[in-house]
Amino acid sequence: MKSIEEIKIDLTNDVLFYYAIKPEAMKEMKNDPVLVNGLFKRVEAYEKAIKNAPLSLQAIFDYLYRKGLTQKEASSKMGISQGYASKLNGKLLAYLQENI
């Protein structure tokens, strides 16, 4: 089981990176065996896990890690307080720890 710190690193280093890259660059990178065995497999694991999460956790995952928004920006989009967005992120990390 991954620690919360390891999950935070995966989310910020891999998932955010994956979604920040332009689609054209991603196509070229898919031929790199190192990336396929590392980055893509980790992102795939997070995507698989999040599909079964409660909708509130799916939403915070989408805003923070797919779209790269701050908690303040995500809370504004979701119509919740920044403090609640922070709590949701904590719940998301715990959920991912149990489901990765």
C-alpha atoms as a PDB file:
ATOM      1  CA  MET A   1       0.000   0.000   0.000  1.00  0.00           C
ATOM      2  CA  LYS A   2       1.324   3.423  -0.945  1.00  0.00           C
ATOM      3  CA  SER A   3       1.679   6.080   1.706  1.00  0.00           C
ATOM      4  CA  ILE A   4      -0.248   9.346   1.468  1.00  0.00           C
ATOM      5  CA  GLU A   5       3.058  11.084   0.700  1.00  0.00           C
ATOM      6  CA  GLU A   6       3.757   8.697  -2.196  1.00  0.00           C
ATOM      7  CA  ILE A   7       0.261   9.325  -3.556  1.00  0.00           C
ATOM      8  CA  LYS A   8       0.770  13.101  -3.323  1.00  0.00           C
ATOM      9  CA  ILE A   9       4.012  12.731  -5.287  1.00  0.00           C
ATOM     10  CA  ASP A  10       2.324  10.584  -7.939  1.00  0.00           C
ATOM     11  CA  LEU A  11      -0.529  13.069  -8.281  1.00  0.00           C
ATOM     12  CA  THR A  12       1.654  16.142  -8.530  1.00  0.00           C
ATOM     13  CA  ASN A  13       4.518  14.655 -10.551  1.00  0.00           C
ATOM     14  CA  ASP A  14       2.724  12.194 -12.817  1.00  0.00           C
ATOM     15  CA  VAL A  15      -0.996  12.852 -13.062  1.00  0.00           C
ATOM     16  CA  LEU A  16      -0.692  16.644 -13.348  1.00  0.00           C
ATOM     17  CA  PHE A  17       2.162  16.246 -15.832  1.00  0.00           C
ATOM     18  CA  TYR A  18       0.195  13.742 -17.915  1.00  0.00           C
ATOM     19  CA  TYR A  19      -2.780  16.069 -18.288  1.00  0.00           C
ATOM     20  CA  ALA A  20      -0.646  19.175 -18.850  1.00  0.00           C
ATOM     21  CA  ILE A  21       1.133  17.771 -21.928  1.00  0.00           C
ATOM     22  CA  LYS A  22      -0.238  18.581 -25.341  1.00  0.00           C
ATOM     23  CA  PRO A  23      -1.942  15.617 -27.053  1.00  0.00           C
ATOM     24  CA  GLU A  24       0.592  15.646 -29.905  1.00  0.00           C
ATOM     25  CA  ALA A  25       3.504  15.276 -27.483  1.00  0.00           C
ATOM     26  CA  MET A  26       1.646  12.523 -25.659  1.00  0.00           C
ATOM     27  CA  LYS A  27       1.367  10.463 -28.859  1.00  0.00           C
ATOM     28  CA  GLU A  28       5.132  10.582 -29.327  1.00  0.00           C
ATOM     29  CA  MET A  29       5.780   9.742 -25.683  1.00  0.00           C
ATOM     30  CA  LYS A  30       3.580   6.624 -25.812  1.00  0.00           C
ATOM     31  CA  ASN A  31       6.329   4.910 -27.820  1.00  0.00           C
ATOM     32  CA  ASP A  32       8.844   5.375 -24.990  1.00  0.00           C
ATOM     33  CA  PRO A  33       8.942   2.091 -23.013  1.00  0.00           C
ATOM     34  CA  VAL A  34      10.183   3.824 -19.856  1.00  0.00           C
ATOM     35  CA  LEU A  35       7.187   6.131 -19.837  1.00  0.00           C
ATOM     36  CA  VAL A  36       4.774   3.363 -20.762  1.00  0.00           C
ATOM     37  CA  ASN A  37       5.986   1.246 -17.868  1.00  0.00           C
ATOM     38  CA  GLY A  38       6.078   4.138 -15.411  1.00  0.00           C
ATOM     39  CA  LEU A  39       4.071   7.252 -16.013  1.00  0.00           C
ATOM     40  CA  PHE A  40       1.255   5.792 -18.085  1.00  0.00           C
ATOM     41  CA  LYS A  41       0.733   2.801 -15.811  1.00  0.00           C
ATOM     42  CA  ARG A  42       0.587   5.018 -12.716  1.00  0.00           C
ATOM     43  CA  VAL A  43      -1.888   7.405 -14.329  1.00  0.00           C
ATOM     44  CA  GLU A  44      -3.958   4.446 -15.506  1.00  0.00           C
ATOM     45  CA  ALA A  45      -4.085   3.080 -11.940  1.00  0.00           C
ATOM     46  CA  TYR A  46      -5.347   6.406 -10.590  1.00  0.00           C
ATOM     47  CA  GLU A  47      -7.916   6.694 -13.374  1.00  0.00           C
ATOM     48  CA  LYS A  48      -9.179   3.191 -12.678  1.00  0.00           C
ATOM     49  CA  ALA A  49      -9.477   3.875  -8.947  1.00  0.00           C
ATOM     50  CA  ILE A  50     -11.238   7.219  -9.321  1.00  0.00           C
ATOM     51  CA  LYS A  51     -13.998   5.751 -11.503  1.00  0.00           C
ATOM     52  CA  ASN A  52     -15.530   4.062  -8.447  1.00  0.00           C
ATOM     53  CA  ALA A  53     -15.078   7.002  -6.073  1.00  0.00           C
ATOM     54  CA  PRO A  54     -17.954   9.120  -4.786  1.00  0.00           C
ATOM     55  CA  LEU A  55     -18.830  11.983  -7.141  1.00  0.00           C
ATOM     56  CA  SER A  56     -17.434  14.639  -4.809  1.00  0.00           C
ATOM     57  CA  LEU A  57     -14.030  12.908  -4.870  1.00  0.00           C
ATOM     58  CA  GLN A  58     -14.193  12.478  -8.642  1.00  0.00           C
ATOM     59  CA  ALA A  59     -14.899  16.211  -8.957  1.00  0.00           C
ATOM     60  CA  ILE A  60     -12.025  17.315  -6.734  1.00  0.00           C
ATOM     61  CA  PHE A  61      -9.689  14.893  -8.567  1.00  0.00           C
ATOM     62  CA  ASP A  62     -10.778  16.365 -11.888  1.00  0.00           C
ATOM     63  CA  TYR A  63     -10.275  19.986 -10.866  1.00  0.00           C
ATOM     64  CA  LEU A  64      -7.031  19.549  -8.929  1.00  0.00           C
ATOM     65  CA  TYR A  65      -5.209  16.870 -10.881  1.00  0.00           C
ATOM     66  CA  ARG A  66      -6.674  16.725 -14.384  1.00  0.00           C
ATOM     67  CA  LYS A  67      -7.231  20.454 -14.822  1.00  0.00           C
ATOM     68  CA  GLY A  68      -4.447  21.600 -12.501  1.00  0.00           C
ATOM     69  CA  LEU A  69      -6.519  24.141 -10.581  1.00  0.00           C
ATOM     70  CA  THR A  70      -5.666  25.347  -7.095  1.00  0.00           C
ATOM     71  CA  GLN A  71      -7.918  24.398  -4.195  1.00  0.00           C
ATOM     72  CA  LYS A  72      -9.246  27.958  -4.210  1.00  0.00           C
ATOM     73  CA  GLU A  73     -10.097  27.754  -7.925  1.00  0.00           C
ATOM     74  CA  ALA A  74     -11.590  24.270  -7.544  1.00  0.00           C
ATOM     75  CA  SER A  75     -13.729  25.340  -4.587  1.00  0.00           C
ATOM     76  CA  SER A  76     -15.048  28.285  -6.588  1.00  0.00           C
ATOM     77  CA  LYS A  77     -15.969  26.029  -9.525  1.00  0.00           C
ATOM     78  CA  MET A  78     -17.631  23.519  -7.194  1.00  0.00           C
ATOM     79  CA  GLY A  79     -19.464  26.162  -5.165  1.00  0.00           C
ATOM     80  CA  ILE A  80     -17.887  25.087  -1.882  1.00  0.00           C
ATOM     81  CA  SER A  81     -15.512  26.704   0.606  1.00  0.00           C
ATOM     82  CA  GLN A  82     -11.777  26.368   0.192  1.00  0.00           C
ATOM     83  CA  GLY A  83     -11.660  24.591   3.551  1.00  0.00           C
ATOM     84  CA  TYR A  84     -14.156  21.995   2.342  1.00  0.00           C
ATOM     85  CA  ALA A  85     -12.151  21.531  -0.876  1.00  0.00           C
ATOM     86  CA  SER A  86      -9.119  20.852   1.307  1.00  0.00           C
ATOM     87  CA  LYS A  87     -11.101  18.260   3.315  1.00  0.00           C
ATOM     88  CA  LEU A  88     -12.288  16.619   0.096  1.00  0.00           C
ATOM     89  CA  ASN A  89      -8.695  16.439  -1.108  1.00  0.00           C
ATOM     90  CA  GLY A  90      -7.733  14.729   2.147  1.00  0.00           C
ATOM     91  CA  LYS A  91     -10.583  12.252   1.695  1.00  0.00           C
ATOM     92  CA  LEU A  92      -9.476  11.728  -1.899  1.00  0.00           C
ATOM     93  CA  LEU A  93      -5.937  10.896  -0.784  1.00  0.00           C
ATOM     94  CA  ALA A  94      -7.253   8.405   1.780  1.00  0.00           C
ATOM     95  CA  TYR A  95      -9.586   6.874  -0.819  1.00  0.00           C
ATOM     96  CA  LEU A  96      -6.742   6.508  -3.312  1.00  0.00           C
ATOM     97  CA  GLN A  97      -4.512   4.963  -0.665  1.00  0.00           C
ATOM     98  CA  GLU A  98      -7.119   2.251  -0.129  1.00  0.00           C
ATOM     99  CA  ASN A  99      -7.850   1.713  -3.828  1.00  0.00           C
ATOM    100  CA  ILE A 100      -4.546   1.957  -5.697  1.00  0.00           C
END
